[in-house]
Amino acid sequence: MEPKFSLDKISYNVIKKLDSLKMTLGTVESCTGGLISQYITKHPGSSKVFINGYITYSNTSKINLLNIDKKVLDKYGAVSKQTVLQMV
């Protein structure tokens, strides 16, 4: 039995919806290591909506590329609500 929801279906539907709304998408990933970008870009037509993706796995890359506050990383860690809120 095919799963009701899959990353393939979700990413395909995201592309179609964004295209119909004339919107674009950029991603910022950390521990997913680019998996979200991979699923989005595997579908034909994704280049119409996908503009870029950042994989900021290390704390240094979070600080340098995303301007995440080092104090937040030091206090709460990379996998925390506080850090994620600064990534969006």
N, C-alpha and C. Protein backbone atom coordinates (compact mmCIF):
# COMPACT_ATOMS: atom_id res chain seq x y z
N MET A 1 0.84 -1.18 0.00
CA MET A 1 0.00 0.00 0.00
C MET A 1 0.89 1.25 0.00
N GLU A 2 0.61 2.15 -0.89
CA GLU A 2 1.38 3.39 -0.99
C GLU A 2 1.03 4.32 0.16
N PRO A 3 2.06 4.95 0.77
CA PRO A 3 1.75 5.87 1.87
C PRO A 3 0.91 7.05 1.40
N LYS A 4 0.04 7.50 2.30
CA LYS A 4 -0.83 8.63 1.98
C LYS A 4 -0.02 9.90 1.74
N PHE A 5 1.02 10.07 2.54
CA PHE A 5 1.89 11.23 2.41
C PHE A 5 3.32 10.73 2.24
N SER A 6 4.04 11.35 1.34
CA SER A 6 5.45 11.04 1.16
C SER A 6 6.18 12.34 0.85
N LEU A 7 7.47 12.33 1.08
CA LEU A 7 8.25 13.53 0.77
C LEU A 7 8.19 13.87 -0.72
N ASP A 8 8.12 12.84 -1.56
CA ASP A 8 7.98 13.10 -3.00
C ASP A 8 6.68 13.84 -3.30
N LYS A 9 5.59 13.35 -2.75
CA LYS A 9 4.29 13.98 -3.01
C LYS A 9 4.23 15.39 -2.42
N ILE A 10 4.72 15.53 -1.20
CA ILE A 10 4.69 16.84 -0.54
C ILE A 10 5.51 17.85 -1.33
N SER A 11 6.74 17.48 -1.69
CA SER A 11 7.60 18.42 -2.41
C SER A 11 7.02 18.75 -3.79
N TYR A 12 6.44 17.78 -4.47
CA TYR A 12 5.80 18.03 -5.76
C TYR A 12 4.65 19.02 -5.60
N ASN A 13 3.83 18.80 -4.59
CA ASN A 13 2.69 19.69 -4.35
C ASN A 13 3.13 21.10 -3.97
N VAL A 14 4.21 21.21 -3.22
CA VAL A 14 4.75 22.53 -2.86
C VAL A 14 5.17 23.28 -4.12
N ILE A 15 5.87 22.60 -5.02
CA ILE A 15 6.30 23.23 -6.27
C ILE A 15 5.11 23.71 -7.08
N LYS A 16 4.13 22.84 -7.25
CA LYS A 16 2.95 23.20 -8.04
C LYS A 16 2.20 24.38 -7.43
N LYS A 17 2.05 24.37 -6.10
CA LYS A 17 1.33 25.46 -5.43
C LYS A 17 2.09 26.77 -5.57
N LEU A 18 3.39 26.75 -5.32
CA LEU A 18 4.19 27.97 -5.45
C LEU A 18 4.15 28.50 -6.87
N ASP A 19 4.24 27.60 -7.85
CA ASP A 19 4.19 28.03 -9.25
C ASP A 19 2.84 28.68 -9.57
N SER A 20 1.77 28.10 -9.08
CA SER A 20 0.44 28.67 -9.37
C SER A 20 0.25 30.03 -8.71
N LEU A 21 0.95 30.25 -7.60
CA LEU A 21 0.86 31.53 -6.89
C LEU A 21 1.95 32.51 -7.34
N LYS A 22 2.80 32.07 -8.28
CA LYS A 22 3.92 32.89 -8.75
C LYS A 22 4.84 33.29 -7.59
N MET A 23 5.08 32.32 -6.71
CA MET A 23 5.95 32.54 -5.56
C MET A 23 7.22 31.71 -5.71
N THR A 24 8.25 32.06 -4.94
CA THR A 24 9.50 31.32 -4.96
C THR A 24 9.82 30.79 -3.56
N LEU A 25 10.83 29.93 -3.52
CA LEU A 25 11.22 29.27 -2.28
C LEU A 25 12.73 29.25 -2.15
N GLY A 26 13.20 29.56 -0.97
CA GLY A 26 14.59 29.37 -0.60
C GLY A 26 14.60 28.59 0.70
N THR A 27 15.63 27.80 0.91
CA THR A 27 15.70 26.99 2.13
C THR A 27 16.96 27.30 2.92
N VAL A 28 16.86 27.10 4.21
CA VAL A 28 18.01 27.12 5.11
C VAL A 28 17.93 25.84 5.91
N GLU A 29 18.92 24.97 5.73
CA GLU A 29 18.91 23.68 6.40
C GLU A 29 20.14 23.54 7.29
N SER A 30 20.02 22.67 8.25
CA SER A 30 21.14 22.36 9.12
C SER A 30 21.28 20.84 9.18
N CYS A 31 20.69 20.21 10.19
CA CYS A 31 20.87 18.77 10.36
C CYS A 31 20.18 17.95 9.28
N THR A 32 19.33 18.54 8.45
CA THR A 32 18.76 17.82 7.31
C THR A 32 19.77 17.70 6.17
N GLY A 33 20.84 18.46 6.22
CA GLY A 33 21.95 18.32 5.28
C GLY A 33 21.61 18.49 3.81
N GLY A 34 20.57 19.23 3.51
CA GLY A 34 20.20 19.46 2.12
C GLY A 34 19.08 18.56 1.62
N LEU A 35 18.53 17.74 2.49
CA LEU A 35 17.48 16.80 2.08
C LEU A 35 16.24 17.51 1.54
N ILE A 36 15.86 18.61 2.17
CA ILE A 36 14.69 19.35 1.70
C ILE A 36 14.95 19.89 0.29
N SER A 37 16.10 20.48 0.09
CA SER A 37 16.46 20.99 -1.24
C SER A 37 16.50 19.87 -2.27
N GLN A 38 17.00 18.72 -1.87
CA GLN A 38 17.07 17.57 -2.77
C GLN A 38 15.67 17.16 -3.23
N TYR A 39 14.75 17.06 -2.31
CA TYR A 39 13.39 16.66 -2.67
C TYR A 39 12.70 17.70 -3.54
N ILE A 40 12.93 18.96 -3.26
CA ILE A 40 12.31 20.01 -4.07
C ILE A 40 12.87 20.00 -5.49
N THR A 41 14.19 19.91 -5.62
CA THR A 41 14.82 20.06 -6.93
C THR A 41 14.78 18.80 -7.79
N LYS A 42 14.31 17.70 -7.27
CA LYS A 42 14.24 16.48 -8.07
C LYS A 42 13.08 16.49 -9.06
N HIS A 43 12.15 17.41 -8.90
CA HIS A 43 10.96 17.45 -9.74
C HIS A 43 11.14 18.41 -10.92
N PRO A 44 10.67 18.01 -12.11
CA PRO A 44 10.70 18.93 -13.25
C PRO A 44 9.91 20.20 -12.92
N GLY A 45 10.45 21.32 -13.34
CA GLY A 45 9.79 22.59 -13.09
C GLY A 45 10.19 23.26 -11.80
N SER A 46 10.99 22.58 -11.00
CA SER A 46 11.38 23.17 -9.70
C SER A 46 12.22 24.43 -9.86
N SER A 47 12.93 24.55 -10.98
CA SER A 47 13.77 25.74 -11.17
C SER A 47 12.95 27.01 -11.33
N LYS A 48 11.67 26.88 -11.61
CA LYS A 48 10.80 28.06 -11.68
C LYS A 48 10.56 28.66 -10.30
N VAL A 49 10.61 27.83 -9.27
CA VAL A 49 10.26 28.32 -7.94
C VAL A 49 11.40 28.26 -6.94
N PHE A 50 12.34 27.34 -7.12
CA PHE A 50 13.43 27.19 -6.14
C PHE A 50 14.57 28.13 -6.50
N ILE A 51 14.84 29.12 -5.61
CA ILE A 51 15.86 30.11 -5.94
C ILE A 51 17.22 29.81 -5.31
N ASN A 52 17.24 29.22 -4.12
CA ASN A 52 18.52 28.88 -3.49
C ASN A 52 18.30 28.05 -2.24
N GLY A 53 19.40 27.48 -1.77
CA GLY A 53 19.36 26.73 -0.52
C GLY A 53 20.70 26.86 0.18
N TYR A 54 20.64 27.02 1.47
CA TYR A 54 21.84 27.08 2.30
C TYR A 54 21.86 25.88 3.22
N ILE A 55 23.02 25.22 3.29
CA ILE A 55 23.21 24.16 4.27
C ILE A 55 24.24 24.69 5.26
N THR A 56 23.75 25.03 6.44
CA THR A 56 24.62 25.62 7.47
C THR A 56 24.74 24.63 8.62
N TYR A 57 25.51 23.58 8.36
CA TYR A 57 25.63 22.49 9.33
C TYR A 57 26.45 22.89 10.55
N SER A 58 27.52 23.61 10.33
CA SER A 58 28.38 24.00 11.46
C SER A 58 27.90 25.31 12.09
N ASN A 59 28.24 25.48 13.34
CA ASN A 59 27.90 26.75 14.01
C ASN A 59 28.59 27.93 13.33
N THR A 60 29.81 27.71 12.86
CA THR A 60 30.53 28.78 12.18
C THR A 60 29.77 29.24 10.94
N SER A 61 29.24 28.31 10.17
CA SER A 61 28.48 28.71 8.98
C SER A 61 27.18 29.40 9.36
N LYS A 62 26.57 29.00 10.45
CA LYS A 62 25.35 29.69 10.91
C LYS A 62 25.67 31.15 11.28
N ILE A 63 26.79 31.35 11.93
CA ILE A 63 27.20 32.70 12.33
C ILE A 63 27.59 33.53 11.10
N ASN A 64 28.42 32.96 10.22
CA ASN A 64 28.95 33.72 9.08
C ASN A 64 27.94 33.94 7.95
N LEU A 65 27.12 32.96 7.66
CA LEU A 65 26.19 33.07 6.53
C LEU A 65 24.81 33.60 6.92
N LEU A 66 24.39 33.29 8.13
CA LEU A 66 23.03 33.64 8.54
C LEU A 66 22.98 34.70 9.63
N ASN A 67 24.15 35.11 10.09
CA ASN A 67 24.23 36.10 11.18
C ASN A 67 23.52 35.64 12.45
N ILE A 68 23.60 34.34 12.73
CA ILE A 68 23.05 33.83 13.98
C ILE A 68 23.93 34.34 15.12
N ASP A 69 23.30 34.79 16.17
CA ASP A 69 24.02 35.32 17.33
C ASP A 69 24.78 34.18 18.03
N LYS A 70 26.10 34.33 18.12
CA LYS A 70 26.94 33.31 18.77
C LYS A 70 26.48 33.05 20.19
N LYS A 71 26.01 34.07 20.87
CA LYS A 71 25.54 33.90 22.26
C LYS A 71 24.34 32.96 22.31
N VAL A 72 23.48 33.03 21.32
CA VAL A 72 22.32 32.13 21.26
C VAL A 72 22.79 30.70 21.05
N LEU A 73 23.73 30.51 20.13
CA LEU A 73 24.27 29.17 19.90
C LEU A 73 24.96 28.62 21.14
N ASP A 74 25.75 29.46 21.80
CA ASP A 74 26.46 29.02 23.00
C ASP A 74 25.50 28.66 24.13
N LYS A 75 24.45 29.45 24.29
CA LYS A 75 23.52 29.23 25.40
C LYS A 75 22.53 28.10 25.14
N TYR A 76 21.97 28.06 23.91
CA TYR A 76 20.89 27.11 23.63
C TYR A 76 21.28 25.96 22.71
N GLY A 77 22.37 26.12 21.97
CA GLY A 77 22.79 25.08 21.03
C GLY A 77 22.18 25.26 19.65
N ALA A 78 22.74 24.52 18.69
CA ALA A 78 22.29 24.63 17.30
C ALA A 78 20.90 24.05 17.10
N VAL A 79 20.58 23.02 17.85
CA VAL A 79 19.27 22.37 17.72
C VAL A 79 18.37 22.89 18.84
N SER A 80 17.89 24.10 18.64
CA SER A 80 17.03 24.73 19.64
C SER A 80 16.04 25.65 18.96
N LYS A 81 14.95 25.89 19.62
CA LYS A 81 13.93 26.81 19.10
C LYS A 81 14.53 28.20 18.89
N GLN A 82 15.35 28.64 19.82
CA GLN A 82 15.94 29.97 19.76
C GLN A 82 16.80 30.15 18.50
N THR A 83 17.59 29.12 18.17
CA THR A 83 18.43 29.19 16.98
C THR A 83 17.58 29.14 15.71
N VAL A 84 16.61 28.25 15.69
CA VAL A 84 15.73 28.13 14.51
C VAL A 84 15.01 29.45 14.24
N LEU A 85 14.55 30.10 15.28
CA LEU A 85 13.85 31.37 15.09
C LEU A 85 14.75 32.42 14.45
N GLN A 86 16.06 32.35 14.71
CA GLN A 86 16.98 33.28 14.07
C GLN A 86 17.29 32.87 12.63
N MET A 87 17.04 31.61 12.29
CA MET A 87 17.32 31.12 10.94
C MET A 87 16.23 31.48 9.94
N VAL A 88 15.04 31.79 10.43
CA VAL A 88 13.93 32.08 9.50
C VAL A 88 13.84 33.56 9.20
